[in-house]
């Protein structure tokens, strides 16, 4: 006769095993890597404004000189940004701004550009034969 502890352990192991296969782990394993255009910059010195960097704004355009669209809706105090939303083959133009702790935003930085790349084309003529 098995004890209550053994029954509980068996049920727990079964729930973990079933939960593992029910969760979308297979979808995570099947995803291909995503290309990105990564921007990086140096913090201004001196900062100016209130004297404290609050965050940075990252802007993108498909035309040199703008108009630009802000990419990061919640600006963060980081010195890099990875744009993973580009369309393969499209050239993008970027500028970055400094936002001080009082919410005042600087003028645009110098403009930089990069072309988004896509994943390779899939193989052609794939067949399967059952024997």
C-alpha atoms as a PDB file:
ATOM      1  CA  UNK A   1       0.000   0.000   0.000  1.00  0.00           C
ATOM      2  CA  UNK A   2       1.463   3.349  -1.025  1.00  0.00           C
ATOM      3  CA  UNK A   3       1.612   6.313   1.273  1.00  0.00           C
ATOM      4  CA  UNK A   4      -0.107   9.651   0.725  1.00  0.00           C
ATOM      5  CA  UNK A   5       3.297  11.248   0.137  1.00  0.00           C
ATOM      6  CA  UNK A   6       4.092   8.863  -2.754  1.00  0.00           C
ATOM      7  CA  UNK A   7       0.690   9.506  -4.366  1.00  0.00           C
ATOM      8  CA  UNK A   8       1.211  13.264  -4.021  1.00  0.00           C
ATOM      9  CA  UNK A   9       4.699  13.031  -5.560  1.00  0.00           C
ATOM     10  CA  UNK A  10       3.379  10.967  -8.472  1.00  0.00           C
ATOM     11  CA  UNK A  11       0.574  13.436  -9.144  1.00  0.00           C
ATOM     12  CA  UNK A  12       2.992  16.368  -8.950  1.00  0.00           C
ATOM     13  CA  UNK A  13       5.401  14.737 -11.412  1.00  0.00           C
ATOM     14  CA  UNK A  14       2.527  13.999 -13.788  1.00  0.00           C
ATOM     15  CA  UNK A  15       1.289  17.624 -13.631  1.00  0.00           C
ATOM     16  CA  UNK A  16       4.777  18.976 -14.293  1.00  0.00           C
ATOM     17  CA  UNK A  17       5.259  16.596 -17.231  1.00  0.00           C
ATOM     18  CA  UNK A  18       1.865  17.444 -18.746  1.00  0.00           C
ATOM     19  CA  UNK A  19       2.409  21.160 -18.104  1.00  0.00           C
ATOM     20  CA  UNK A  20       5.757  21.040 -19.871  1.00  0.00           C
ATOM     21  CA  UNK A  21       4.173  19.686 -23.051  1.00  0.00           C
ATOM     22  CA  UNK A  22       1.107  21.910 -22.857  1.00  0.00           C
ATOM     23  CA  UNK A  23       3.202  25.083 -22.635  1.00  0.00           C
ATOM     24  CA  UNK A  24       4.336  26.443 -26.009  1.00  0.00           C
ATOM     25  CA  UNK A  25       7.979  25.366 -25.616  1.00  0.00           C
ATOM     26  CA  UNK A  26       8.001  23.896 -29.106  1.00  0.00           C
ATOM     27  CA  UNK A  27       7.109  27.311 -30.562  1.00  0.00           C
ATOM     28  CA  UNK A  28      10.100  28.887 -28.844  1.00  0.00           C
ATOM     29  CA  UNK A  29      12.423  26.258 -30.261  1.00  0.00           C
ATOM     30  CA  UNK A  30      11.074  26.652 -33.798  1.00  0.00           C
ATOM     31  CA  UNK A  31      11.519  30.430 -34.057  1.00  0.00           C
ATOM     32  CA  UNK A  32      14.310  31.682 -36.265  1.00  0.00           C
ATOM     33  CA  UNK A  33      16.603  34.441 -35.065  1.00  0.00           C
ATOM     34  CA  UNK A  34      15.478  37.974 -35.789  1.00  0.00           C
ATOM     35  CA  UNK A  35      17.714  40.505 -37.520  1.00  0.00           C
ATOM     36  CA  UNK A  36      18.159  43.936 -35.975  1.00  0.00           C
ATOM     37  CA  UNK A  37      19.723  47.274 -36.691  1.00  0.00           C
ATOM     38  CA  UNK A  38      21.544  48.158 -33.479  1.00  0.00           C
ATOM     39  CA  UNK A  39      22.246  51.786 -32.653  1.00  0.00           C
ATOM     40  CA  UNK A  40      24.718  52.895 -30.005  1.00  0.00           C
ATOM     41  CA  UNK A  41      25.813  56.302 -28.768  1.00  0.00           C
ATOM     42  CA  UNK A  42      27.783  58.103 -26.081  1.00  0.00           C
ATOM     43  CA  UNK A  43      26.134  60.071 -23.290  1.00  0.00           C
ATOM     44  CA  UNK A  44      26.550  63.837 -23.689  1.00  0.00           C
ATOM     45  CA  UNK A  45      29.115  65.561 -21.504  1.00  0.00           C
ATOM     46  CA  UNK A  46      28.112  67.914 -20.065  1.00  0.00           C
ATOM     47  CA  UNK A  47      24.464  66.932 -20.184  1.00  0.00           C
ATOM     48  CA  UNK A  48      23.093  70.481 -20.036  1.00  0.00           C
ATOM     49  CA  UNK A  49      19.449  71.155 -19.162  1.00  0.00           C
ATOM     50  CA  UNK A  50      18.804  69.937 -15.636  1.00  0.00           C
ATOM     51  CA  UNK A  51      22.168  68.208 -15.643  1.00  0.00           C
ATOM     52  CA  UNK A  52      20.751  64.675 -15.390  1.00  0.00           C
ATOM     53  CA  UNK A  53      20.028  62.300 -18.274  1.00  0.00           C
ATOM     54  CA  UNK A  54      16.550  60.895 -17.843  1.00  0.00           C
ATOM     55  CA  UNK A  55      16.394  58.850 -21.017  1.00  0.00           C
ATOM     56  CA  UNK A  56      16.980  58.840 -24.776  1.00  0.00           C
ATOM     57  CA  UNK A  57      14.553  59.005 -27.685  1.00  0.00           C
ATOM     58  CA  UNK A  58      15.229  56.904 -30.799  1.00  0.00           C
ATOM     59  CA  UNK A  59      13.669  58.064 -34.071  1.00  0.00           C
ATOM     60  CA  UNK A  60      13.541  56.473 -37.541  1.00  0.00           C
ATOM     61  CA  UNK A  61      12.641  57.607 -41.055  1.00  0.00           C
ATOM     62  CA  UNK A  62      12.713  56.093 -44.532  1.00  0.00           C
ATOM     63  CA  UNK A  63      13.926  59.452 -45.910  1.00  0.00           C
ATOM     64  CA  UNK A  64      17.096  61.313 -45.076  1.00  0.00           C
ATOM     65  CA  UNK A  65      16.268  64.373 -42.983  1.00  0.00           C
ATOM     66  CA  UNK A  66      12.954  62.946 -41.767  1.00  0.00           C
ATOM     67  CA  UNK A  67      10.192  63.198 -40.919  1.00  0.00           C
ATOM     68  CA  UNK A  68      11.097  60.848 -38.071  1.00  0.00           C
ATOM     69  CA  UNK A  69       8.891  58.532 -36.039  1.00  0.00           C
ATOM     70  CA  UNK A  70       9.763  57.769 -32.418  1.00  0.00           C
ATOM     71  CA  UNK A  71      10.474  54.051 -31.962  1.00  0.00           C
ATOM     72  CA  UNK A  72      10.776  53.697 -28.196  1.00  0.00           C
ATOM     73  CA  UNK A  73       7.505  54.697 -26.541  1.00  0.00           C
ATOM     74  CA  UNK A  74       8.960  54.227 -23.070  1.00  0.00           C
ATOM     75  CA  UNK A  75      12.324  55.895 -23.310  1.00  0.00           C
ATOM     76  CA  UNK A  76      15.036  54.221 -21.304  1.00  0.00           C
ATOM     77  CA  UNK A  77      18.356  55.422 -19.941  1.00  0.00           C
ATOM     78  CA  UNK A  78      20.445  53.052 -22.056  1.00  0.00           C
ATOM     79  CA  UNK A  79      23.167  53.692 -24.642  1.00  0.00           C
ATOM     80  CA  UNK A  80      21.985  51.172 -27.259  1.00  0.00           C
ATOM     81  CA  UNK A  81      18.780  50.347 -29.083  1.00  0.00           C
ATOM     82  CA  UNK A  82      17.977  47.343 -31.308  1.00  0.00           C
ATOM     83  CA  UNK A  83      15.400  48.035 -34.008  1.00  0.00           C
ATOM     84  CA  UNK A  84      13.825  44.696 -34.935  1.00  0.00           C
ATOM     85  CA  UNK A  85      10.804  46.192 -36.731  1.00  0.00           C
ATOM     86  CA  UNK A  86      12.415  46.977 -40.080  1.00  0.00           C
ATOM     87  CA  UNK A  87      11.426  45.541 -43.434  1.00  0.00           C
ATOM     88  CA  UNK A  88      14.126  43.603 -45.294  1.00  0.00           C
ATOM     89  CA  UNK A  89      15.817  45.649 -47.993  1.00  0.00           C
ATOM     90  CA  UNK A  90      14.607  49.012 -46.652  1.00  0.00           C
ATOM     91  CA  UNK A  91      17.144  51.708 -45.829  1.00  0.00           C
ATOM     92  CA  UNK A  92      16.357  53.532 -42.585  1.00  0.00           C
ATOM     93  CA  UNK A  93      17.680  56.825 -41.199  1.00  0.00           C
ATOM     94  CA  UNK A  94      18.013  57.263 -37.438  1.00  0.00           C
ATOM     95  CA  UNK A  95      18.520  60.111 -34.958  1.00  0.00           C
ATOM     96  CA  UNK A  96      18.672  60.022 -31.163  1.00  0.00           C
ATOM     97  CA  UNK A  97      17.767  62.665 -28.573  1.00  0.00           C
ATOM     98  CA  UNK A  98      18.648  63.140 -24.915  1.00  0.00           C
ATOM     99  CA  UNK A  99      15.750  63.708 -22.528  1.00  0.00           C
ATOM    100  CA  UNK A 100      16.673  65.264 -19.196  1.00  0.00           C
ATOM    101  CA  UNK A 101      15.119  64.388 -15.851  1.00  0.00           C
ATOM    102  CA  UNK A 102      12.683  67.330 -16.222  1.00  0.00           C
ATOM    103  CA  UNK A 103      11.360  65.936 -19.523  1.00  0.00           C
ATOM    104  CA  UNK A 104      13.082  68.434 -21.827  1.00  0.00           C
ATOM    105  CA  UNK A 105      14.344  66.901 -25.075  1.00  0.00           C
ATOM    106  CA  UNK A 106      17.483  67.857 -26.988  1.00  0.00           C
ATOM    107  CA  UNK A 107      17.786  68.525 -30.698  1.00  0.00           C
ATOM    108  CA  UNK A 108      18.338  65.497 -32.938  1.00  0.00           C
ATOM    109  CA  UNK A 109      21.776  63.878 -33.025  1.00  0.00           C
ATOM    110  CA  UNK A 110      23.623  63.380 -36.279  1.00  0.00           C
ATOM    111  CA  UNK A 111      21.730  61.132 -38.678  1.00  0.00           C
ATOM    112  CA  UNK A 112      22.935  57.588 -39.334  1.00  0.00           C
ATOM    113  CA  UNK A 113      21.567  54.995 -41.736  1.00  0.00           C
ATOM    114  CA  UNK A 114      21.441  51.243 -42.229  1.00  0.00           C
ATOM    115  CA  UNK A 115      19.571  48.807 -44.454  1.00  0.00           C
ATOM    116  CA  UNK A 116      17.509  46.083 -42.795  1.00  0.00           C
ATOM    117  CA  UNK A 117      18.424  42.576 -43.857  1.00  0.00           C
ATOM    118  CA  UNK A 118      16.064  39.632 -43.948  1.00  0.00           C
ATOM    119  CA  UNK A 119      16.335  35.931 -43.338  1.00  0.00           C
ATOM    120  CA  UNK A 120      17.590  33.761 -46.192  1.00  0.00           C
ATOM    121  CA  UNK A 121      15.098  32.397 -48.712  1.00  0.00           C
ATOM    122  CA  UNK A 122      13.664  28.947 -47.936  1.00  0.00           C
ATOM    123  CA  UNK A 123      14.766  25.904 -49.947  1.00  0.00           C
ATOM    124  CA  UNK A 124      12.766  25.051 -53.067  1.00  0.00           C
ATOM    125  CA  UNK A 125      11.292  21.741 -54.247  1.00  0.00           C
ATOM    126  CA  UNK A 126      11.109  19.979 -50.874  1.00  0.00           C
ATOM    127  CA  UNK A 127       9.466  16.529 -51.191  1.00  0.00           C
ATOM    128  CA  UNK A 128       8.621  13.665 -48.878  1.00  0.00           C
ATOM    129  CA  UNK A 129       8.253   9.990 -49.794  1.00  0.00           C
ATOM    130  CA  UNK A 130       6.614   7.373 -47.623  1.00  0.00           C
ATOM    131  CA  UNK A 131       7.858   3.774 -48.063  1.00  0.00           C
END
